[in-house]
């Protein structure tokens, strides 16, 4: 029963949902809730990948910049592992 019976999002509804998820991830980030931030960011990225080039252009630039910056710096493969110790 976890699956909704609604059709998949598309068009304007998909664009709005991507923007909403990025804003939600950003609010979790500001509240230092890293797990929740990662979850919402991942959901936003999955939906963002479904957008066409034209639809991607309709996402506010400030949200895309935040998403890319956080994705690469804090969640990307080159990040420092959580709780890692710095060498002395």
PDB file of N, CA and C in Angstrom:
ATOM      1  N   UNK A   1       0.798  -1.191   0.000  1.00  0.00           N
ATOM      2  CA  UNK A   1       0.000   0.000   0.000  1.00  0.00           C
ATOM      3  C   UNK A   1       0.843   1.259   0.000  1.00  0.00           C
ATOM      4  N   UNK A   2       2.163   1.136  -0.016  1.00  0.00           N
ATOM      5  CA  UNK A   2       3.021   2.297  -0.026  1.00  0.00           C
ATOM      6  C   UNK A   2       2.947   3.054  -1.336  1.00  0.00           C
ATOM      7  N   UNK A   3       2.608   2.366  -2.430  1.00  0.00           N
ATOM      8  CA  UNK A   3       2.504   3.011  -3.729  1.00  0.00           C
ATOM      9  C   UNK A   3       1.192   3.774  -3.828  1.00  0.00           C
ATOM     10  N   UNK A   4       1.280   4.967  -4.370  1.00  0.00           N
ATOM     11  CA  UNK A   4       0.063   5.754  -4.588  1.00  0.00           C
ATOM     12  C   UNK A   4      -0.561   5.333  -5.903  1.00  0.00           C
ATOM     13  N   UNK A   5      -1.865   5.464  -6.004  1.00  0.00           N
ATOM     14  CA  UNK A   5      -2.580   5.115  -7.218  1.00  0.00           C
ATOM     15  C   UNK A   5      -2.610   6.265  -8.225  1.00  0.00           C
ATOM     16  N   UNK A   6      -1.907   7.337  -7.913  1.00  0.00           N
ATOM     17  CA  UNK A   6      -1.878   8.501  -8.789  1.00  0.00           C
ATOM     18  C   UNK A   6      -0.925   8.250  -9.952  1.00  0.00           C
ATOM     19  N   UNK A   7      -1.196   8.861 -11.123  1.00  0.00           N
ATOM     20  CA  UNK A   7      -0.261   8.728 -12.246  1.00  0.00           C
ATOM     21  C   UNK A   7       1.036   9.467 -11.933  1.00  0.00           C
ATOM     22  N   UNK A   8       2.140   9.093 -12.575  1.00  0.00           N
ATOM     23  CA  UNK A   8       3.414   9.775 -12.332  1.00  0.00           C
ATOM     24  C   UNK A   8       3.314  11.263 -12.681  1.00  0.00           C
ATOM     25  N   UNK A   9       4.057  12.065 -11.960  1.00  0.00           N
ATOM     26  CA  UNK A   9       4.058  13.504 -12.226  1.00  0.00           C
ATOM     27  C   UNK A   9       4.684  13.787 -13.579  1.00  0.00           C
ATOM     28  N   UNK A  10       4.176  14.817 -14.225  1.00  0.00           N
ATOM     29  CA  UNK A  10       4.762  15.269 -15.476  1.00  0.00           C
ATOM     30  C   UNK A  10       4.418  16.729 -15.700  1.00  0.00           C
ATOM     31  N   UNK A  11       5.143  17.356 -16.595  1.00  0.00           N
ATOM     32  CA  UNK A  11       4.874  18.747 -16.942  1.00  0.00           C
ATOM     33  C   UNK A  11       5.054  19.697 -15.776  1.00  0.00           C
ATOM     34  N   UNK A  12       4.118  20.615 -15.645  1.00  0.00           N
ATOM     35  CA  UNK A  12       4.186  21.661 -14.620  1.00  0.00           C
ATOM     36  C   UNK A  12       4.214  21.073 -13.207  1.00  0.00           C
ATOM     37  N   UNK A  13       3.456  20.006 -12.973  1.00  0.00           N
ATOM     38  CA  UNK A  13       3.422  19.387 -11.643  1.00  0.00           C
ATOM     39  C   UNK A  13       4.789  18.805 -11.276  1.00  0.00           C
ATOM     40  N   UNK A  14       5.489  18.236 -12.248  1.00  0.00           N
ATOM     41  CA  UNK A  14       6.821  17.679 -11.996  1.00  0.00           C
ATOM     42  C   UNK A  14       7.821  18.788 -11.689  1.00  0.00           C
ATOM     43  N   UNK A  15       7.747  19.873 -12.430  1.00  0.00           N
ATOM     44  CA  UNK A  15       8.645  21.017 -12.191  1.00  0.00           C
ATOM     45  C   UNK A  15       8.426  21.562 -10.780  1.00  0.00           C
ATOM     46  N   UNK A  16       7.173  21.731 -10.396  1.00  0.00           N
ATOM     47  CA  UNK A  16       6.867  22.259  -9.063  1.00  0.00           C
ATOM     48  C   UNK A  16       7.330  21.313  -7.969  1.00  0.00           C
ATOM     49  N   UNK A  17       7.190  20.013  -8.179  1.00  0.00           N
ATOM     50  CA  UNK A  17       7.605  19.044  -7.170  1.00  0.00           C
ATOM     51  C   UNK A  17       9.123  19.030  -7.000  1.00  0.00           C
ATOM     52  N   UNK A  18       9.853  19.136  -8.099  1.00  0.00           N
ATOM     53  CA  UNK A  18      11.319  19.192  -8.014  1.00  0.00           C
ATOM     54  C   UNK A  18      11.742  20.427  -7.214  1.00  0.00           C
ATOM     55  N   UNK A  19      11.164  21.571  -7.529  1.00  0.00           N
ATOM     56  CA  UNK A  19      11.496  22.802  -6.812  1.00  0.00           C
ATOM     57  C   UNK A  19      11.129  22.679  -5.332  1.00  0.00           C
ATOM     58  N   UNK A  20       9.977  22.077  -5.049  1.00  0.00           N
ATOM     59  CA  UNK A  20       9.550  21.905  -3.658  1.00  0.00           C
ATOM     60  C   UNK A  20      10.521  21.008  -2.888  1.00  0.00           C
ATOM     61  N   UNK A  21      10.962  19.931  -3.506  1.00  0.00           N
ATOM     62  CA  UNK A  21      11.879  19.013  -2.834  1.00  0.00           C
ATOM     63  C   UNK A  21      13.244  19.661  -2.587  1.00  0.00           C
ATOM     64  N   UNK A  22      13.703  20.457  -3.535  1.00  0.00           N
ATOM     65  CA  UNK A  22      14.979  21.158  -3.334  1.00  0.00           C
ATOM     66  C   UNK A  22      14.847  22.150  -2.182  1.00  0.00           C
ATOM     67  N   UNK A  23      13.732  22.877  -2.140  1.00  0.00           N
ATOM     68  CA  UNK A  23      13.517  23.821  -1.031  1.00  0.00           C
ATOM     69  C   UNK A  23      13.441  23.081   0.305  1.00  0.00           C
ATOM     70  N   UNK A  24      12.768  21.931   0.304  1.00  0.00           N
ATOM     71  CA  UNK A  24      12.658  21.136   1.527  1.00  0.00           C
ATOM     72  C   UNK A  24      14.033  20.633   1.963  1.00  0.00           C
ATOM     73  N   UNK A  25      14.833  20.147   1.027  1.00  0.00           N
ATOM     74  CA  UNK A  25      16.190  19.696   1.350  1.00  0.00           C
ATOM     75  C   UNK A  25      17.013  20.857   1.912  1.00  0.00           C
ATOM     76  N   UNK A  26      16.838  22.028   1.328  1.00  0.00           N
ATOM     77  CA  UNK A  26      17.577  23.214   1.789  1.00  0.00           C
ATOM     78  C   UNK A  26      17.173  23.592   3.210  1.00  0.00           C
ATOM     79  N   UNK A  27      15.889  23.458   3.532  1.00  0.00           N
ATOM     80  CA  UNK A  27      15.448  23.784   4.891  1.00  0.00           C
ATOM     81  C   UNK A  27      15.985  22.759   5.894  1.00  0.00           C
ATOM     82  N   UNK A  28      16.057  21.487   5.487  1.00  0.00           N
ATOM     83  CA  UNK A  28      16.662  20.478   6.361  1.00  0.00           C
ATOM     84  C   UNK A  28      18.152  20.771   6.554  1.00  0.00           C
ATOM     85  N   UNK A  29      18.810  21.214   5.489  1.00  0.00           N
ATOM     86  CA  UNK A  29      20.230  21.551   5.574  1.00  0.00           C
ATOM     87  C   UNK A  29      20.444  22.690   6.581  1.00  0.00           C
ATOM     88  N   UNK A  30      19.623  23.715   6.476  1.00  0.00           N
ATOM     89  CA  UNK A  30      19.740  24.857   7.379  1.00  0.00           C
ATOM     90  C   UNK A  30      19.507  24.453   8.826  1.00  0.00           C
ATOM     91  N   UNK A  31      18.691  23.414   9.047  1.00  0.00           N
ATOM     92  CA  UNK A  31      18.396  22.933  10.396  1.00  0.00           C
ATOM     93  C   UNK A  31      19.388  21.857  10.849  1.00  0.00           C
ATOM     94  N   UNK A  32      20.442  21.616  10.060  1.00  0.00           N
ATOM     95  CA  UNK A  32      21.470  20.615  10.380  1.00  0.00           C
ATOM     96  C   UNK A  32      20.895  19.209  10.483  1.00  0.00           C
ATOM     97  N   UNK A  33      19.911  18.916   9.668  1.00  0.00           N
ATOM     98  CA  UNK A  33      19.291  17.580   9.615  1.00  0.00           C
ATOM     99  C   UNK A  33      19.811  16.882   8.352  1.00  0.00           C
ATOM    100  N   UNK A  34      21.036  16.362   8.446  1.00  0.00           N
ATOM    101  CA  UNK A  34      21.715  15.848   7.259  1.00  0.00           C
ATOM    102  C   UNK A  34      21.029  14.639   6.633  1.00  0.00           C
ATOM    103  N   UNK A  35      20.516  13.730   7.429  1.00  0.00           N
ATOM    104  CA  UNK A  35      19.846  12.557   6.883  1.00  0.00           C
ATOM    105  C   UNK A  35      18.607  12.937   6.101  1.00  0.00           C
ATOM    106  N   UNK A  36      17.802  13.820   6.667  1.00  0.00           N
ATOM    107  CA  UNK A  36      16.593  14.279   5.985  1.00  0.00           C
ATOM    108  C   UNK A  36      16.958  15.086   4.739  1.00  0.00           C
ATOM    109  N   UNK A  37      18.008  15.879   4.826  1.00  0.00           N
ATOM    110  CA  UNK A  37      18.463  16.665   3.678  1.00  0.00           C
ATOM    111  C   UNK A  37      18.868  15.728   2.547  1.00  0.00           C
ATOM    112  N   UNK A  38      19.637  14.698   2.866  1.00  0.00           N
ATOM    113  CA  UNK A  38      20.089  13.744   1.855  1.00  0.00           C
ATOM    114  C   UNK A  38      18.893  13.036   1.201  1.00  0.00           C
ATOM    115  N   UNK A  39      17.928  12.623   2.010  1.00  0.00           N
ATOM    116  CA  UNK A  39      16.747  11.921   1.496  1.00  0.00           C
ATOM    117  C   UNK A  39      15.981  12.793   0.491  1.00  0.00           C
ATOM    118  N   UNK A  40      15.703  14.039   0.868  1.00  0.00           N
ATOM    119  CA  UNK A  40      14.938  14.926  -0.014  1.00  0.00           C
ATOM    120  C   UNK A  40      15.751  15.327  -1.243  1.00  0.00           C
ATOM    121  N   UNK A  41      17.051  15.495  -1.070  1.00  0.00           N
ATOM    122  CA  UNK A  41      17.928  15.822  -2.184  1.00  0.00           C
ATOM    123  C   UNK A  41      17.934  14.675  -3.194  1.00  0.00           C
ATOM    124  N   UNK A  42      18.030  13.444  -2.697  1.00  0.00           N
ATOM    125  CA  UNK A  42      18.010  12.280  -3.587  1.00  0.00           C
ATOM    126  C   UNK A  42      16.685  12.179  -4.342  1.00  0.00           C
ATOM    127  N   UNK A  43      15.584  12.425  -3.644  1.00  0.00           N
ATOM    128  CA  UNK A  43      14.271  12.398  -4.300  1.00  0.00           C
ATOM    129  C   UNK A  43      14.194  13.476  -5.381  1.00  0.00           C
ATOM    130  N   UNK A  44      14.719  14.664  -5.083  1.00  0.00           N
ATOM    131  CA  UNK A  44      14.709  15.762  -6.053  1.00  0.00           C
ATOM    132  C   UNK A  44      15.545  15.406  -7.277  1.00  0.00           C
ATOM    133  N   UNK A  45      16.701  14.788  -7.067  1.00  0.00           N
ATOM    134  CA  UNK A  45      17.569  14.428  -8.186  1.00  0.00           C
ATOM    135  C   UNK A  45      16.926  13.379  -9.098  1.00  0.00           C
ATOM    136  N   UNK A  46      16.216  12.419  -8.512  1.00  0.00           N
ATOM    137  CA  UNK A  46      15.529  11.399  -9.314  1.00  0.00           C
ATOM    138  C   UNK A  46      14.486  12.061 -10.206  1.00  0.00           C
ATOM    139  N   UNK A  47      13.694  12.946  -9.631  1.00  0.00           N
ATOM    140  CA  UNK A  47      12.668  13.631 -10.425  1.00  0.00           C
ATOM    141  C   UNK A  47      13.292  14.601 -11.422  1.00  0.00           C
ATOM    142  N   UNK A  48      14.365  15.275 -11.021  1.00  0.00           N
ATOM    143  CA  UNK A  48      15.048  16.223 -11.907  1.00  0.00           C
ATOM    144  C   UNK A  48      15.549  15.518 -13.168  1.00  0.00           C
ATOM    145  N   UNK A  49      15.996  14.287 -13.018  1.00  0.00           N
ATOM    146  CA  UNK A  49      16.499  13.525 -14.160  1.00  0.00           C
ATOM    147  C   UNK A  49      15.399  13.239 -15.179  1.00  0.00           C
ATOM    148  N   UNK A  50      14.161  13.264 -14.763  1.00  0.00           N
ATOM    149  CA  UNK A  50      13.030  13.013 -15.663  1.00  0.00           C
ATOM    150  C   UNK A  50      12.633  14.249 -16.472  1.00  0.00           C
ATOM    151  N   UNK A  51      13.126  15.415 -16.102  1.00  0.00           N
ATOM    152  CA  UNK A  51      12.755  16.652 -16.792  1.00  0.00           C
ATOM    153  C   UNK A  51      13.449  16.765 -18.150  1.00  0.00           C
ATOM    154  N   UNK A  52      12.764  17.389 -19.089  1.00  0.00           N
ATOM    155  CA  UNK A  52      13.385  17.690 -20.379  1.00  0.00           C
ATOM    156  C   UNK A  52      14.306  18.898 -20.189  1.00  0.00           C
ATOM    157  N   UNK A  53      15.103  19.184 -21.200  1.00  0.00           N
ATOM    158  CA  UNK A  53      16.018  20.326 -21.121  1.00  0.00           C
ATOM    159  C   UNK A  53      15.242  21.627 -20.897  1.00  0.00           C
ATOM    160  N   UNK A  54      14.120  21.777 -21.582  1.00  0.00           N
ATOM    161  CA  UNK A  54      13.311  22.988 -21.454  1.00  0.00           C
ATOM    162  C   UNK A  54      12.715  23.089 -20.038  1.00  0.00           C
ATOM    163  N   UNK A  55      12.260  21.961 -19.515  1.00  0.00           N
ATOM    164  CA  UNK A  55      11.683  21.958 -18.167  1.00  0.00           C
ATOM    165  C   UNK A  55      12.753  22.252 -17.116  1.00  0.00           C
ATOM    166  N   UNK A  56      13.957  21.722 -17.314  1.00  0.00           N
ATOM    167  CA  UNK A  56      15.051  21.996 -16.372  1.00  0.00           C
ATOM    168  C   UNK A  56      15.352  23.489 -16.315  1.00  0.00           C
ATOM    169  N   UNK A  57      15.197  24.165 -17.440  1.00  0.00           N
ATOM    170  CA  UNK A  57      15.431  25.597 -17.497  1.00  0.00           C
ATOM    171  C   UNK A  57      14.410  26.403 -16.709  1.00  0.00           C
ATOM    172  N   UNK A  58      13.304  25.789 -16.343  1.00  0.00           N
ATOM    173  CA  UNK A  58      12.253  26.489 -15.598  1.00  0.00           C
ATOM    174  C   UNK A  58      12.425  26.367 -14.082  1.00  0.00           C
ATOM    175  N   UNK A  59      13.370  25.542 -13.635  1.00  0.00           N
ATOM    176  CA  UNK A  59      13.664  25.454 -12.205  1.00  0.00           C
ATOM    177  C   UNK A  59      14.457  26.709 -11.837  1.00  0.00           C
ATOM    178  N   UNK A  60      14.097  27.405 -10.755  1.00  0.00           N
ATOM    179  CA  UNK A  60      14.844  28.616 -10.381  1.00  0.00           C
ATOM    180  C   UNK A  60      16.351  28.344 -10.233  1.00  0.00           C
ATOM    181  N   UNK A  61      17.131  29.219 -10.816  1.00  0.00           N
ATOM    182  CA  UNK A  61      18.586  29.048 -10.836  1.00  0.00           C
ATOM    183  C   UNK A  61      19.176  28.926  -9.432  1.00  0.00           C
ATOM    184  N   UNK A  62      18.648  29.675  -8.474  1.00  0.00           N
ATOM    185  CA  UNK A  62      19.183  29.630  -7.115  1.00  0.00           C
ATOM    186  C   UNK A  62      19.027  28.218  -6.518  1.00  0.00           C
ATOM    187  N   UNK A  63      17.961  27.535  -6.876  1.00  0.00           N
ATOM    188  CA  UNK A  63      17.757  26.169  -6.376  1.00  0.00           C
ATOM    189  C   UNK A  63      18.731  25.199  -7.040  1.00  0.00           C
ATOM    190  N   UNK A  64      18.960  25.368  -8.326  1.00  0.00           N
ATOM    191  CA  UNK A  64      19.895  24.487  -9.026  1.00  0.00           C
ATOM    192  C   UNK A  64      21.324  24.676  -8.539  1.00  0.00           C
ATOM    193  N   UNK A  65      21.700  25.910  -8.287  1.00  0.00           N
ATOM    194  CA  UNK A  65      23.047  26.179  -7.769  1.00  0.00           C
ATOM    195  C   UNK A  65      23.213  25.512  -6.416  1.00  0.00           C
ATOM    196  N   UNK A  66      22.232  25.645  -5.547  1.00  0.00           N
ATOM    197  CA  UNK A  66      22.302  25.003  -4.231  1.00  0.00           C
ATOM    198  C   UNK A  66      22.389  23.489  -4.385  1.00  0.00           C
ATOM    199  N   UNK A  67      21.561  22.927  -5.247  1.00  0.00           N
ATOM    200  CA  UNK A  67      21.534  21.486  -5.436  1.00  0.00           C
ATOM    201  C   UNK A  67      22.883  20.972  -5.931  1.00  0.00           C
ATOM    202  N   UNK A  68      23.464  21.621  -6.890  1.00  0.00           N
ATOM    203  CA  UNK A  68      24.768  21.196  -7.420  1.00  0.00           C
ATOM    204  C   UNK A  68      25.857  21.347  -6.374  1.00  0.00           C
ATOM    205  N   UNK A  69      25.882  22.482  -5.687  1.00  0.00           N
ATOM    206  CA  UNK A  69      26.918  22.740  -4.684  1.00  0.00           C
ATOM    207  C   UNK A  69      26.859  21.708  -3.566  1.00  0.00           C
ATOM    208  N   UNK A  70      25.686  21.501  -3.024  1.00  0.00           N
ATOM    209  CA  UNK A  70      25.540  20.529  -1.940  1.00  0.00           C
ATOM    210  C   UNK A  70      25.794  19.120  -2.439  1.00  0.00           C
ATOM    211  N   UNK A  71      25.322  18.813  -3.615  1.00  0.00           N
ATOM    212  CA  UNK A  71      25.470  17.462  -4.152  1.00  0.00           C
ATOM    213  C   UNK A  71      26.936  17.095  -4.319  1.00  0.00           C
ATOM    214  N   UNK A  72      27.693  17.988  -4.907  1.00  0.00           N
ATOM    215  CA  UNK A  72      29.086  17.675  -5.184  1.00  0.00           C
ATOM    216  C   UNK A  72      29.967  17.798  -3.947  1.00  0.00           C
ATOM    217  N   UNK A  73      29.804  18.870  -3.205  1.00  0.00           N
ATOM    218  CA  UNK A  73      30.709  19.120  -2.090  1.00  0.00           C
ATOM    219  C   UNK A  73      30.437  18.222  -0.892  1.00  0.00           C
ATOM    220  N   UNK A  74      29.180  18.046  -0.541  1.00  0.00           N
ATOM    221  CA  UNK A  74      28.859  17.354   0.697  1.00  0.00           C
ATOM    222  C   UNK A  74      28.350  15.937   0.527  1.00  0.00           C
ATOM    223  N   UNK A  75      27.825  15.598  -0.656  1.00  0.00           N
ATOM    224  CA  UNK A  75      27.250  14.275  -0.837  1.00  0.00           C
ATOM    225  C   UNK A  75      27.903  13.498  -1.963  1.00  0.00           C
ATOM    226  N   UNK A  76      28.830  14.105  -2.677  1.00  0.00           N
ATOM    227  CA  UNK A  76      29.457  13.449  -3.815  1.00  0.00           C
ATOM    228  C   UNK A  76      30.498  12.418  -3.407  1.00  0.00           C
ATOM    229  N   UNK A  77      31.047  11.696  -4.373  1.00  0.00           N
ATOM    230  CA  UNK A  77      32.005  10.625  -4.082  1.00  0.00           C
ATOM    231  C   UNK A  77      33.327  11.122  -3.492  1.00  0.00           C
ATOM    232  N   UNK A  78      33.696  12.377  -3.726  1.00  0.00           N
ATOM    233  CA  UNK A  78      34.953  12.891  -3.219  1.00  0.00           C
ATOM    234  C   UNK A  78      34.867  13.521  -1.850  1.00  0.00           C
ATOM    235  N   UNK A  79      33.715  13.402  -1.215  1.00  0.00           N
ATOM    236  CA  UNK A  79      33.524  14.046   0.084  1.00  0.00           C
ATOM    237  C   UNK A  79      34.286  13.308   1.191  1.00  0.00           C
ATOM    238  N   UNK A  80      34.499  13.985   2.282  1.00  0.00           N
ATOM    239  CA  UNK A  80      35.083  13.368   3.461  1.00  0.00           C
ATOM    240  C   UNK A  80      33.989  12.569   4.144  1.00  0.00           C
ATOM    241  N   UNK A  81      34.299  11.366   4.544  1.00  0.00           N
ATOM    242  CA  UNK A  81      33.316  10.507   5.201  1.00  0.00           C
ATOM    243  C   UNK A  81      32.872  11.131   6.524  1.00  0.00           C
ATOM    244  N   UNK A  82      31.599  10.967   6.892  1.00  0.00           N
ATOM    245  CA  UNK A  82      31.128  11.507   8.161  1.00  0.00           C
ATOM    246  C   UNK A  82      31.911  10.914   9.337  1.00  0.00           C
ATOM    247  N   UNK A  83      32.272  11.764  10.276  1.00  0.00           N
ATOM    248  CA  UNK A  83      32.981  11.310  11.468  1.00  0.00           C
ATOM    249  C   UNK A  83      34.441  10.986  11.233  1.00  0.00           C
ATOM    250  N   UNK A  84      34.929  11.296  10.043  1.00  0.00           N
ATOM    251  CA  UNK A  84      36.322  11.007   9.731  1.00  0.00           C
ATOM    252  C   UNK A  84      37.275  11.891  10.520  1.00  0.00           C
ATOM    253  N   UNK A  85      38.393  11.358  10.872  1.00  0.00           N
ATOM    254  CA  UNK A  85      39.407  12.116  11.626  1.00  0.00           C
ATOM    255  C   UNK A  85      40.414  12.692  10.639  1.00  0.00           C
ATOM    256  N   UNK A  86      40.810  13.920  10.884  1.00  0.00           N
ATOM    257  CA  UNK A  86      41.823  14.550  10.051  1.00  0.00           C
ATOM    258  C   UNK A  86      43.198  14.125  10.562  1.00  0.00           C
ATOM    259  N   UNK A  87      44.129  13.827   9.650  1.00  0.00           N
ATOM    260  CA  UNK A  87      45.479  13.438  10.086  1.00  0.00           C
ATOM    261  C   UNK A  87      46.184  14.622  10.734  1.00  0.00           C
ATOM    262  N   UNK A  88      47.015  14.329  11.689  1.00  0.00           N
ATOM    263  CA  UNK A  88      47.762  15.395  12.382  1.00  0.00           C
ATOM    264  C   UNK A  88      49.161  15.499  11.871  1.00  0.00           C
TER     265      UNK A  88
END
